[in-house]
Amino acid sequence: MGRFVIAGYRPKPGMAAALELLALRHWEVLHREALVTDRPAHLMRASDGTVVEVFEWLSTHSIARAHNSAAVQALWAEFAAVCEHVPLSQLPGADVPFAEFDALPPG
């Protein structure tokens, strides 16, 4: 059974465009490494510019395997350079029953 994840990436100053490009590549790298299902990721933007990504890991084992993948680790290092990870509870607009975010255009 898959595991859905909702991730928040708040861009560092001047890094919004770079973050969006990385977010567009994230699922592709995870998929190439056979870590996520075939369901494509959904990418959104909160009102403060935080990129929100929803995707499905294949399993909890896949999550652990990602931490040993050189390709995934390299991409995550790129993320660390351009953003900070923020919990869902800190996303503007996530405090309502039907949270809404702007859709990011596809790559």
PDB file of N, CA and C in Angstrom:
ATOM      1  N   MET A   1       0.841  -1.172   0.000  1.00  0.00           N
ATOM      2  CA  MET A   1       0.000   0.000   0.000  1.00  0.00           C
ATOM      3  C   MET A   1       0.887   1.236   0.000  1.00  0.00           C
ATOM      4  N   GLY A   2       0.544   2.213  -0.823  1.00  0.00           N
ATOM      5  CA  GLY A   2       1.325   3.437  -0.909  1.00  0.00           C
ATOM      6  C   GLY A   2       1.136   4.332   0.304  1.00  0.00           C
ATOM      7  N   ARG A   3       2.010   5.321   0.409  1.00  0.00           N
ATOM      8  CA  ARG A   3       1.968   6.298   1.502  1.00  0.00           C
ATOM      9  C   ARG A   3       1.986   7.687   0.880  1.00  0.00           C
ATOM     10  N   PHE A   4       0.881   8.433   1.031  1.00  0.00           N
ATOM     11  CA  PHE A   4       0.839   9.796   0.521  1.00  0.00           C
ATOM     12  C   PHE A   4       1.600  10.725   1.450  1.00  0.00           C
ATOM     13  N   VAL A   5       2.262  11.694   0.855  1.00  0.00           N
ATOM     14  CA  VAL A   5       3.025  12.691   1.590  1.00  0.00           C
ATOM     15  C   VAL A   5       2.598  14.068   1.101  1.00  0.00           C
ATOM     16  N   ILE A   6       2.477  14.997   2.041  1.00  0.00           N
ATOM     17  CA  ILE A   6       2.268  16.398   1.703  1.00  0.00           C
ATOM     18  C   ILE A   6       3.487  17.129   2.240  1.00  0.00           C
ATOM     19  N   ALA A   7       4.276  17.697   1.338  1.00  0.00           N
ATOM     20  CA  ALA A   7       5.514  18.369   1.720  1.00  0.00           C
ATOM     21  C   ALA A   7       5.409  19.857   1.435  1.00  0.00           C
ATOM     22  N   GLY A   8       5.990  20.663   2.321  1.00  0.00           N
ATOM     23  CA  GLY A   8       6.034  22.106   2.127  1.00  0.00           C
ATOM     24  C   GLY A   8       7.469  22.565   2.010  1.00  0.00           C
ATOM     25  N   TYR A   9       7.769  23.313   0.941  1.00  0.00           N
ATOM     26  CA  TYR A   9       9.112  23.823   0.692  1.00  0.00           C
ATOM     27  C   TYR A   9       9.033  25.349   0.595  1.00  0.00           C
ATOM     28  N   ARG A  10       9.538  26.045   1.602  1.00  0.00           N
ATOM     29  CA  ARG A  10       9.510  27.513   1.585  1.00  0.00           C
ATOM     30  C   ARG A  10      10.811  28.011   0.955  1.00  0.00           C
ATOM     31  N   PRO A  11      10.722  28.762  -0.146  1.00  0.00           N
ATOM     32  CA  PRO A  11      11.950  29.194  -0.821  1.00  0.00           C
ATOM     33  C   PRO A  11      12.756  30.187   0.012  1.00  0.00           C
ATOM     34  N   LYS A  12      14.065  30.060  -0.077  1.00  0.00           N
ATOM     35  CA  LYS A  12      14.948  31.069   0.496  1.00  0.00           C
ATOM     36  C   LYS A  12      14.843  32.309  -0.388  1.00  0.00           C
ATOM     37  N   PRO A  13      15.221  33.485   0.127  1.00  0.00           N
ATOM     38  CA  PRO A  13      15.095  34.713  -0.674  1.00  0.00           C
ATOM     39  C   PRO A  13      15.738  34.583  -2.053  1.00  0.00           C
ATOM     40  N   GLY A  14      14.971  34.959  -3.065  1.00  0.00           N
ATOM     41  CA  GLY A  14      15.458  34.929  -4.442  1.00  0.00           C
ATOM     42  C   GLY A  14      15.525  33.553  -5.073  1.00  0.00           C
ATOM     43  N   MET A  15      15.011  32.533  -4.408  1.00  0.00           N
ATOM     44  CA  MET A  15      15.143  31.152  -4.888  1.00  0.00           C
ATOM     45  C   MET A  15      13.823  30.523  -5.343  1.00  0.00           C
ATOM     46  N   ALA A  16      12.763  31.301  -5.465  1.00  0.00           N
ATOM     47  CA  ALA A  16      11.455  30.735  -5.817  1.00  0.00           C
ATOM     48  C   ALA A  16      11.480  30.014  -7.157  1.00  0.00           C
ATOM     49  N   ALA A  17      12.070  30.611  -8.168  1.00  0.00           N
ATOM     50  CA  ALA A  17      12.093  29.982  -9.497  1.00  0.00           C
ATOM     51  C   ALA A  17      12.915  28.699  -9.474  1.00  0.00           C
ATOM     52  N   ALA A  18      14.060  28.730  -8.816  1.00  0.00           N
ATOM     53  CA  ALA A  18      14.900  27.531  -8.726  1.00  0.00           C
ATOM     54  C   ALA A  18      14.170  26.418  -7.980  1.00  0.00           C
ATOM     55  N   LEU A  19      13.445  26.785  -6.936  1.00  0.00           N
ATOM     56  CA  LEU A  19      12.685  25.795  -6.176  1.00  0.00           C
ATOM     57  C   LEU A  19      11.611  25.149  -7.038  1.00  0.00           C
ATOM     58  N   GLU A  20      10.895  25.946  -7.798  1.00  0.00           N
ATOM     59  CA  GLU A  20       9.837  25.384  -8.639  1.00  0.00           C
ATOM     60  C   GLU A  20      10.408  24.401  -9.657  1.00  0.00           C
ATOM     61  N   LEU A  21      11.567  24.715 -10.233  1.00  0.00           N
ATOM     62  CA  LEU A  21      12.197  23.785 -11.178  1.00  0.00           C
ATOM     63  C   LEU A  21      12.595  22.479 -10.489  1.00  0.00           C
ATOM     64  N   LEU A  22      13.130  22.581  -9.278  1.00  0.00           N
ATOM     65  CA  LEU A  22      13.484  21.371  -8.527  1.00  0.00           C
ATOM     66  C   LEU A  22      12.247  20.548  -8.199  1.00  0.00           C
ATOM     67  N   ALA A  23      11.188  21.215  -7.780  1.00  0.00           N
ATOM     68  CA  ALA A  23       9.960  20.498  -7.437  1.00  0.00           C
ATOM     69  C   ALA A  23       9.424  19.737  -8.644  1.00  0.00           C
ATOM     70  N   LEU A  24       9.560  20.321  -9.825  1.00  0.00           N
ATOM     71  CA  LEU A  24       9.111  19.639 -11.041  1.00  0.00           C
ATOM     72  C   LEU A  24       9.945  18.387 -11.316  1.00  0.00           C
ATOM     73  N   ARG A  25      11.207  18.377 -10.913  1.00  0.00           N
ATOM     74  CA  ARG A  25      12.090  17.219 -11.124  1.00  0.00           C
ATOM     75  C   ARG A  25      11.961  16.168 -10.032  1.00  0.00           C
ATOM     76  N   HIS A  26      11.482  16.553  -8.862  1.00  0.00           N
ATOM     77  CA  HIS A  26      11.495  15.664  -7.699  1.00  0.00           C
ATOM     78  C   HIS A  26      10.821  14.324  -7.975  1.00  0.00           C
ATOM     79  N   TRP A  27       9.570  14.362  -8.416  1.00  0.00           N
ATOM     80  CA  TRP A  27       8.841  13.114  -8.659  1.00  0.00           C
ATOM     81  C   TRP A  27       9.542  12.280  -9.727  1.00  0.00           C
ATOM     82  N   GLU A  28      10.060  12.946 -10.767  1.00  0.00           N
ATOM     83  CA  GLU A  28      10.729  12.205 -11.846  1.00  0.00           C
ATOM     84  C   GLU A  28      11.915  11.403 -11.309  1.00  0.00           C
ATOM     85  N   VAL A  29      12.702  12.024 -10.435  1.00  0.00           N
ATOM     86  CA  VAL A  29      13.849  11.312  -9.849  1.00  0.00           C
ATOM     87  C   VAL A  29      13.371  10.160  -8.972  1.00  0.00           C
ATOM     88  N   LEU A  30      12.379  10.423  -8.128  1.00  0.00           N
ATOM     89  CA  LEU A  30      11.845   9.361  -7.270  1.00  0.00           C
ATOM     90  C   LEU A  30      11.266   8.220  -8.102  1.00  0.00           C
ATOM     91  N   HIS A  31      10.595   8.545  -9.187  1.00  0.00           N
ATOM     92  CA  HIS A  31       9.994   7.520 -10.047  1.00  0.00           C
ATOM     93  C   HIS A  31      11.074   6.703 -10.754  1.00  0.00           C
ATOM     94  N   ARG A  32      12.089   7.376 -11.245  1.00  0.00           N
ATOM     95  CA  ARG A  32      13.199   6.687 -11.918  1.00  0.00           C
ATOM     96  C   ARG A  32      13.895   5.716 -10.965  1.00  0.00           C
ATOM     97  N   GLU A  33      13.920   6.057  -9.692  1.00  0.00           N
ATOM     98  CA  GLU A  33      14.535   5.199  -8.670  1.00  0.00           C
ATOM     99  C   GLU A  33      13.564   4.136  -8.149  1.00  0.00           C
ATOM    100  N   ALA A  34      12.359   4.067  -8.739  1.00  0.00           N
ATOM    101  CA  ALA A  34      11.328   3.092  -8.359  1.00  0.00           C
ATOM    102  C   ALA A  34      10.923   3.223  -6.889  1.00  0.00           C
ATOM    103  N   LEU A  35      10.725   4.477  -6.450  1.00  0.00           N
ATOM    104  CA  LEU A  35      10.370   4.753  -5.064  1.00  0.00           C
ATOM    105  C   LEU A  35       8.938   5.246  -4.895  1.00  0.00           C
ATOM    106  N   VAL A  36       8.321   5.707  -5.967  1.00  0.00           N
ATOM    107  CA  VAL A  36       6.967   6.243  -5.904  1.00  0.00           C
ATOM    108  C   VAL A  36       6.074   5.505  -6.892  1.00  0.00           C
ATOM    109  N   THR A  37       4.775   5.648  -6.691  1.00  0.00           N
ATOM    110  CA  THR A  37       3.820   5.026  -7.604  1.00  0.00           C
ATOM    111  C   THR A  37       3.789   5.810  -8.920  1.00  0.00           C
ATOM    112  N   ASP A  38       3.010   5.310  -9.856  1.00  0.00           N
ATOM    113  CA  ASP A  38       2.878   5.985 -11.154  1.00  0.00           C
ATOM    114  C   ASP A  38       1.994   7.229 -11.087  1.00  0.00           C
ATOM    115  N   ARG A  39       1.321   7.435  -9.954  1.00  0.00           N
ATOM    116  CA  ARG A  39       0.510   8.651  -9.835  1.00  0.00           C
ATOM    117  C   ARG A  39       1.430   9.869  -9.832  1.00  0.00           C
ATOM    118  N   PRO A  40       1.201  10.809 -10.740  1.00  0.00           N
ATOM    119  CA  PRO A  40       2.059  11.993 -10.759  1.00  0.00           C
ATOM    120  C   PRO A  40       1.862  12.846  -9.504  1.00  0.00           C
ATOM    121  N   ALA A  41       2.892  13.585  -9.167  1.00  0.00           N
ATOM    122  CA  ALA A  41       2.812  14.504  -8.027  1.00  0.00           C
ATOM    123  C   ALA A  41       1.916  15.688  -8.396  1.00  0.00           C
ATOM    124  N   HIS A  42       1.331  16.290  -7.376  1.00  0.00           N
ATOM    125  CA  HIS A  42       0.570  17.533  -7.534  1.00  0.00           C
ATOM    126  C   HIS A  42       1.392  18.637  -6.890  1.00  0.00           C
ATOM    127  N   LEU A  43       1.611  19.714  -7.633  1.00  0.00           N
ATOM    128  CA  LEU A  43       2.402  20.829  -7.136  1.00  0.00           C
ATOM    129  C   LEU A  43       1.536  22.073  -7.040  1.00  0.00           C
ATOM    130  N   MET A  44       1.642  22.734  -5.888  1.00  0.00           N
ATOM    131  CA  MET A  44       0.829  23.916  -5.615  1.00  0.00           C
ATOM    132  C   MET A  44       1.700  24.974  -4.950  1.00  0.00           C
ATOM    133  N   ARG A  45       1.148  26.177  -4.824  1.00  0.00           N
ATOM    134  CA  ARG A  45       1.843  27.261  -4.139  1.00  0.00           C
ATOM    135  C   ARG A  45       0.910  27.884  -3.118  1.00  0.00           C
ATOM    136  N   ALA A  46       1.382  28.023  -1.887  1.00  0.00           N
ATOM    137  CA  ALA A  46       0.636  28.723  -0.845  1.00  0.00           C
ATOM    138  C   ALA A  46       0.806  30.231  -1.053  1.00  0.00           C
ATOM    139  N   SER A  47      -0.010  30.999  -0.359  1.00  0.00           N
ATOM    140  CA  SER A  47       0.003  32.451  -0.552  1.00  0.00           C
ATOM    141  C   SER A  47       1.331  33.105  -0.182  1.00  0.00           C
ATOM    142  N   ASP A  48       2.152  32.456   0.645  1.00  0.00           N
ATOM    143  CA  ASP A  48       3.456  33.028   0.998  1.00  0.00           C
ATOM    144  C   ASP A  48       4.576  32.542   0.083  1.00  0.00           C
ATOM    145  N   GLY A  49       4.233  31.801  -0.983  1.00  0.00           N
ATOM    146  CA  GLY A  49       5.230  31.304  -1.931  1.00  0.00           C
ATOM    147  C   GLY A  49       5.733  29.907  -1.635  1.00  0.00           C
ATOM    148  N   THR A  50       5.305  29.321  -0.532  1.00  0.00           N
ATOM    149  CA  THR A  50       5.716  27.955  -0.215  1.00  0.00           C
ATOM    150  C   THR A  50       5.162  26.998  -1.259  1.00  0.00           C
ATOM    151  N   VAL A  51       6.033  26.154  -1.789  1.00  0.00           N
ATOM    152  CA  VAL A  51       5.613  25.131  -2.742  1.00  0.00           C
ATOM    153  C   VAL A  51       5.111  23.935  -1.948  1.00  0.00           C
ATOM    154  N   VAL A  52       3.944  23.444  -2.315  1.00  0.00           N
ATOM    155  CA  VAL A  52       3.330  22.291  -1.668  1.00  0.00           C
ATOM    156  C   VAL A  52       3.326  21.153  -2.676  1.00  0.00           C
ATOM    157  N   GLU A  53       3.836  20.007  -2.269  1.00  0.00           N
ATOM    158  CA  GLU A  53       3.890  18.843  -3.153  1.00  0.00           C
ATOM    159  C   GLU A  53       3.155  17.693  -2.481  1.00  0.00           C
ATOM    160  N   VAL A  54       2.315  17.014  -3.249  1.00  0.00           N
ATOM    161  CA  VAL A  54       1.630  15.810  -2.781  1.00  0.00           C
ATOM    162  C   VAL A  54       2.037  14.680  -3.726  1.00  0.00           C
ATOM    163  N   PHE A  55       2.585  13.623  -3.157  1.00  0.00           N
ATOM    164  CA  PHE A  55       2.965  12.479  -3.975  1.00  0.00           C
ATOM    165  C   PHE A  55       2.808  11.204  -3.160  1.00  0.00           C
ATOM    166  N   GLU A  56       2.958  10.057  -3.830  1.00  0.00           N
ATOM    167  CA  GLU A  56       2.723   8.764  -3.181  1.00  0.00           C
ATOM    168  C   GLU A  56       3.959   7.874  -3.252  1.00  0.00           C
ATOM    169  N   TRP A  57       4.553   7.614  -2.096  1.00  0.00           N
ATOM    170  CA  TRP A  57       5.626   6.629  -2.014  1.00  0.00           C
ATOM    171  C   TRP A  57       5.026   5.252  -2.298  1.00  0.00           C
ATOM    172  N   LEU A  58       5.828   4.325  -2.810  1.00  0.00           N
ATOM    173  CA  LEU A  58       5.360   2.954  -3.007  1.00  0.00           C
ATOM    174  C   LEU A  58       5.050   2.283  -1.667  1.00  0.00           C
ATOM    175  N   SER A  59       5.879   2.562  -0.650  1.00  0.00           N
ATOM    176  CA  SER A  59       5.723   1.921   0.659  1.00  0.00           C
ATOM    177  C   SER A  59       6.615   2.642   1.663  1.00  0.00           C
ATOM    178  N   THR A  60       6.490   2.259   2.917  1.00  0.00           N
ATOM    179  CA  THR A  60       7.395   2.832   3.918  1.00  0.00           C
ATOM    180  C   THR A  60       8.829   2.371   3.650  1.00  0.00           C
ATOM    181  N   HIS A  61       8.980   1.181   3.086  1.00  0.00           N
ATOM    182  CA  HIS A  61      10.316   0.687   2.717  1.00  0.00           C
ATOM    183  C   HIS A  61      10.940   1.594   1.661  1.00  0.00           C
ATOM    184  N   SER A  62      10.136   2.097   0.722  1.00  0.00           N
ATOM    185  CA  SER A  62      10.638   2.993  -0.319  1.00  0.00           C
ATOM    186  C   SER A  62      11.172   4.291   0.275  1.00  0.00           C
ATOM    187  N   ILE A  63      10.511   4.765   1.311  1.00  0.00           N
ATOM    188  CA  ILE A  63      10.971   5.989   1.976  1.00  0.00           C
ATOM    189  C   ILE A  63      12.374   5.758   2.536  1.00  0.00           C
ATOM    190  N   ALA A  64      12.564   4.629   3.179  1.00  0.00           N
ATOM    191  CA  ALA A  64      13.883   4.308   3.731  1.00  0.00           C
ATOM    192  C   ALA A  64      14.914   4.157   2.619  1.00  0.00           C
ATOM    193  N   ARG A  65      14.529   3.529   1.510  1.00  0.00           N
ATOM    194  CA  ARG A  65      15.451   3.346   0.386  1.00  0.00           C
ATOM    195  C   ARG A  65      15.882   4.675  -0.217  1.00  0.00           C
ATOM    196  N   ALA A  66      15.012   5.672  -0.186  1.00  0.00           N
ATOM    197  CA  ALA A  66      15.355   6.988  -0.740  1.00  0.00           C
ATOM    198  C   ALA A  66      16.573   7.582  -0.040  1.00  0.00           C
ATOM    199  N   HIS A  67      16.709   7.276   1.243  1.00  0.00           N
ATOM    200  CA  HIS A  67      17.831   7.815   2.012  1.00  0.00           C
ATOM    201  C   HIS A  67      19.158   7.168   1.642  1.00  0.00           C
ATOM    202  N   ASN A  68      19.126   6.099   0.859  1.00  0.00           N
ATOM    203  CA  ASN A  68      20.342   5.430   0.398  1.00  0.00           C
ATOM    204  C   ASN A  68      20.569   5.599  -1.098  1.00  0.00           C
ATOM    205  N   SER A  69      19.742   6.390  -1.747  1.00  0.00           N
ATOM    206  CA  SER A  69      19.867   6.609  -3.189  1.00  0.00           C
ATOM    207  C   SER A  69      20.730   7.836  -3.455  1.00  0.00           C
ATOM    208  N   ALA A  70      21.810   7.667  -4.196  1.00  0.00           N
ATOM    209  CA  ALA A  70      22.695   8.792  -4.521  1.00  0.00           C
ATOM    210  C   ALA A  70      21.949   9.860  -5.316  1.00  0.00           C
ATOM    211  N   ALA A  71      21.099   9.437  -6.245  1.00  0.00           N
ATOM    212  CA  ALA A  71      20.353  10.397  -7.066  1.00  0.00           C
ATOM    213  C   ALA A  71      19.395  11.227  -6.219  1.00  0.00           C
ATOM    214  N   VAL A  72      18.707  10.570  -5.294  1.00  0.00           N
ATOM    215  CA  VAL A  72      17.759  11.272  -4.425  1.00  0.00           C
ATOM    216  C   VAL A  72      18.513  12.186  -3.467  1.00  0.00           C
ATOM    217  N   GLN A  73      19.589  11.705  -2.884  1.00  0.00           N
ATOM    218  CA  GLN A  73      20.359  12.518  -1.962  1.00  0.00           C
ATOM    219  C   GLN A  73      20.915  13.773  -2.651  1.00  0.00           C
ATOM    220  N   ALA A  74      21.361  13.642  -3.890  1.00  0.00           N
ATOM    221  CA  ALA A  74      21.869  14.800  -4.638  1.00  0.00           C
ATOM    222  C   ALA A  74      20.759  15.827  -4.858  1.00  0.00           C
ATOM    223  N   LEU A  75      19.569  15.347  -5.213  1.00  0.00           N
ATOM    224  CA  LEU A  75      18.447  16.262  -5.429  1.00  0.00           C
ATOM    225  C   LEU A  75      18.033  16.918  -4.118  1.00  0.00           C
ATOM    226  N   TRP A  76      17.996  16.157  -3.043  1.00  0.00           N
ATOM    227  CA  TRP A  76      17.631  16.727  -1.746  1.00  0.00           C
ATOM    228  C   TRP A  76      18.650  17.776  -1.300  1.00  0.00           C
ATOM    229  N   ALA A  77      19.918  17.603  -1.666  1.00  0.00           N
ATOM    230  CA  ALA A  77      20.932  18.620  -1.355  1.00  0.00           C
ATOM    231  C   ALA A  77      20.636  19.907  -2.119  1.00  0.00           C
ATOM    232  N   GLU A  78      20.165  19.768  -3.347  1.00  0.00           N
ATOM    233  CA  GLU A  78      19.769  20.951  -4.120  1.00  0.00           C
ATOM    234  C   GLU A  78      18.583  21.650  -3.449  1.00  0.00           C
ATOM    235  N   PHE A  79      17.623  20.870  -2.958  1.00  0.00           N
ATOM    236  CA  PHE A  79      16.492  21.448  -2.231  1.00  0.00           C
ATOM    237  C   PHE A  79      16.989  22.232  -1.012  1.00  0.00           C
ATOM    238  N   ALA A  80      17.916  21.667  -0.267  1.00  0.00           N
ATOM    239  CA  ALA A  80      18.422  22.318   0.943  1.00  0.00           C
ATOM    240  C   ALA A  80      19.072  23.666   0.629  1.00  0.00           C
ATOM    241  N   ALA A  81      19.625  23.797  -0.559  1.00  0.00           N
ATOM    242  CA  ALA A  81      20.273  25.050  -0.945  1.00  0.00           C
ATOM    243  C   ALA A  81      19.267  26.154  -1.266  1.00  0.00           C
ATOM    244  N   VAL A  82      18.052  25.781  -1.644  1.00  0.00           N
ATOM    245  CA  VAL A  82      17.094  26.802  -2.104  1.00  0.00           C
ATOM    246  C   VAL A  82      15.850  26.951  -1.234  1.00  0.00           C
ATOM    247  N   CYS A  83      15.672  26.059  -0.243  1.00  0.00           N
ATOM    248  CA  CYS A  83      14.441  26.152   0.544  1.00  0.00           C
ATOM    249  C   CYS A  83      14.616  25.560   1.932  1.00  0.00           C
ATOM    250  N   GLU A  84      13.606  25.805   2.743  1.00  0.00           N
ATOM    251  CA  GLU A  84      13.504  25.128   4.035  1.00  0.00           C
ATOM    252  C   GLU A  84      12.218  24.305   4.016  1.00  0.00           C
ATOM    253  N   HIS A  85      12.229  23.183   4.688  1.00  0.00           N
ATOM    254  CA  HIS A  85      11.038  22.343   4.784  1.00  0.00           C
ATOM    255  C   HIS A  85      10.147  22.902   5.889  1.00  0.00           C
ATOM    256  N   VAL A  86       8.870  23.020   5.601  1.00  0.00           N
ATOM    257  CA  VAL A  86       7.937  23.540   6.596  1.00  0.00           C
ATOM    258  C   VAL A  86       6.789  22.552   6.784  1.00  0.00           C
ATOM    259  N   PRO A  87       6.312  22.401   8.017  1.00  0.00           N
ATOM    260  CA  PRO A  87       5.194  21.494   8.260  1.00  0.00           C
ATOM    261  C   PRO A  87       3.897  22.056   7.689  1.00  0.00           C
ATOM    262  N   LEU A  88       3.018  21.163   7.383  1.00  0.00           N
ATOM    263  CA  LEU A  88       1.703  21.521   6.847  1.00  0.00           C
ATOM    264  C   LEU A  88       0.996  22.532   7.741  1.00  0.00           C
ATOM    265  N   SER A  89       1.163  22.403   9.031  1.00  0.00           N
ATOM    266  CA  SER A  89       0.491  23.307   9.974  1.00  0.00           C
ATOM    267  C   SER A  89       0.954  24.753   9.844  1.00  0.00           C
ATOM    268  N   GLN A  90       2.090  24.999   9.195  1.00  0.00           N
ATOM    269  CA  GLN A  90       2.602  26.355   9.038  1.00  0.00           C
ATOM    270  C   GLN A  90       2.247  26.983   7.687  1.00  0.00           C
ATOM    271  N   LEU A  91       1.517  26.262   6.855  1.00  0.00           N
ATOM    272  CA  LEU A  91       1.152  26.804   5.545  1.00  0.00           C
ATOM    273  C   LEU A  91      -0.019  27.765   5.675  1.00  0.00           C
ATOM    274  N   PRO A  92       0.129  28.983   5.157  1.00  0.00           N
ATOM    275  CA  PRO A  92      -1.008  29.896   5.176  1.00  0.00           C
ATOM    276  C   PRO A  92      -2.181  29.278   4.421  1.00  0.00           C
ATOM    277  N   GLY A  93      -3.343  29.292   5.033  1.00  0.00           N
ATOM    278  CA  GLY A  93      -4.533  28.738   4.396  1.00  0.00           C
ATOM    279  C   GLY A  93      -4.802  27.287   4.743  1.00  0.00           C
ATOM    280  N   ALA A  94      -3.860  26.626   5.428  1.00  0.00           N
ATOM    281  CA  ALA A  94      -4.050  25.214   5.775  1.00  0.00           C
ATOM    282  C   ALA A  94      -4.867  25.037   7.048  1.00  0.00           C
ATOM    283  N   ASP A  95      -5.295  26.136   7.640  1.00  0.00           N
ATOM    284  CA  ASP A  95      -6.026  26.079   8.904  1.00  0.00           C
ATOM    285  C   ASP A  95      -7.543  26.081   8.724  1.00  0.00           C
ATOM    286  N   VAL A  96      -7.988  25.812   7.507  1.00  0.00           N
ATOM    287  CA  VAL A  96      -9.425  25.775   7.216  1.00  0.00           C
ATOM    288  C   VAL A  96      -9.792  24.377   6.733  1.00  0.00           C
ATOM    289  N   PRO A  97     -11.062  24.001   6.811  1.00  0.00           N
ATOM    290  CA  PRO A  97     -11.452  22.645   6.407  1.00  0.00           C
ATOM    291  C   PRO A  97     -11.144  22.307   4.941  1.00  0.00           C
ATOM    292  N   PHE A  98     -11.219  23.286   4.055  1.00  0.00           N
ATOM    293  CA  PHE A  98     -10.960  23.038   2.640  1.00  0.00           C
ATOM    294  C   PHE A  98      -9.850  23.971   2.176  1.00  0.00           C
ATOM    295  N   ALA A  99      -8.610  23.602   2.479  1.00  0.00           N
ATOM    296  CA  ALA A  99      -7.453  24.431   2.131  1.00  0.00           C
ATOM    297  C   ALA A  99      -7.328  24.541   0.618  1.00  0.00           C
ATOM    298  N   GLU A 100      -7.033  25.733   0.157  1.00  0.00           N
ATOM    299  CA  GLU A 100      -6.878  25.987  -1.285  1.00  0.00           C
ATOM    300  C   GLU A 100      -5.510  26.592  -1.550  1.00  0.00           C
ATOM    301  N   PHE A 101      -4.891  26.134  -2.630  1.00  0.00           N
ATOM    302  CA  PHE A 101      -3.590  26.632  -3.042  1.00  0.00           C
ATOM    303  C   PHE A 101      -3.603  26.848  -4.553  1.00  0.00           C
ATOM    304  N   ASP A 102      -2.729  27.730  -5.024  1.00  0.00           N
ATOM    305  CA  ASP A 102      -2.612  27.961  -6.469  1.00  0.00           C
ATOM    306  C   ASP A 102      -1.878  26.772  -7.095  1.00  0.00           C
ATOM    307  N   ALA A 103      -2.337  26.355  -8.273  1.00  0.00           N
ATOM    308  CA  ALA A 103      -1.663  25.283  -9.007  1.00  0.00           C
ATOM    309  C   ALA A 103      -0.387  25.823  -9.637  1.00  0.00           C
ATOM    310  N   LEU A 104       0.689  25.038  -9.570  1.00  0.00           N
ATOM    311  CA  LEU A 104       1.906  25.403 -10.289  1.00  0.00           C
ATOM    312  C   LEU A 104       1.751  24.909 -11.717  1.00  0.00           C
ATOM    313  N   PRO A 105       2.204  25.691 -12.679  1.00  0.00           N
ATOM    314  CA  PRO A 105       2.122  25.208 -14.061  1.00  0.00           C
ATOM    315  C   PRO A 105       3.028  23.987 -14.273  1.00  0.00           C
ATOM    316  N   PRO A 106       2.630  23.067 -15.113  1.00  0.00           N
ATOM    317  CA  PRO A 106       3.477  21.903 -15.380  1.00  0.00           C
ATOM    318  C   PRO A 106       4.769  22.334 -16.050  1.00  0.00           C
ATOM    319  N   GLY A 107       5.784  21.525 -15.862  1.00  0.00           N
ATOM    320  CA  GLY A 107       7.100  21.829 -16.420  1.00  0.00           C
ATOM    321  C   GLY A 107       7.066  21.847 -17.888  1.00  0.00           C
TER     322      GLY A 107
END
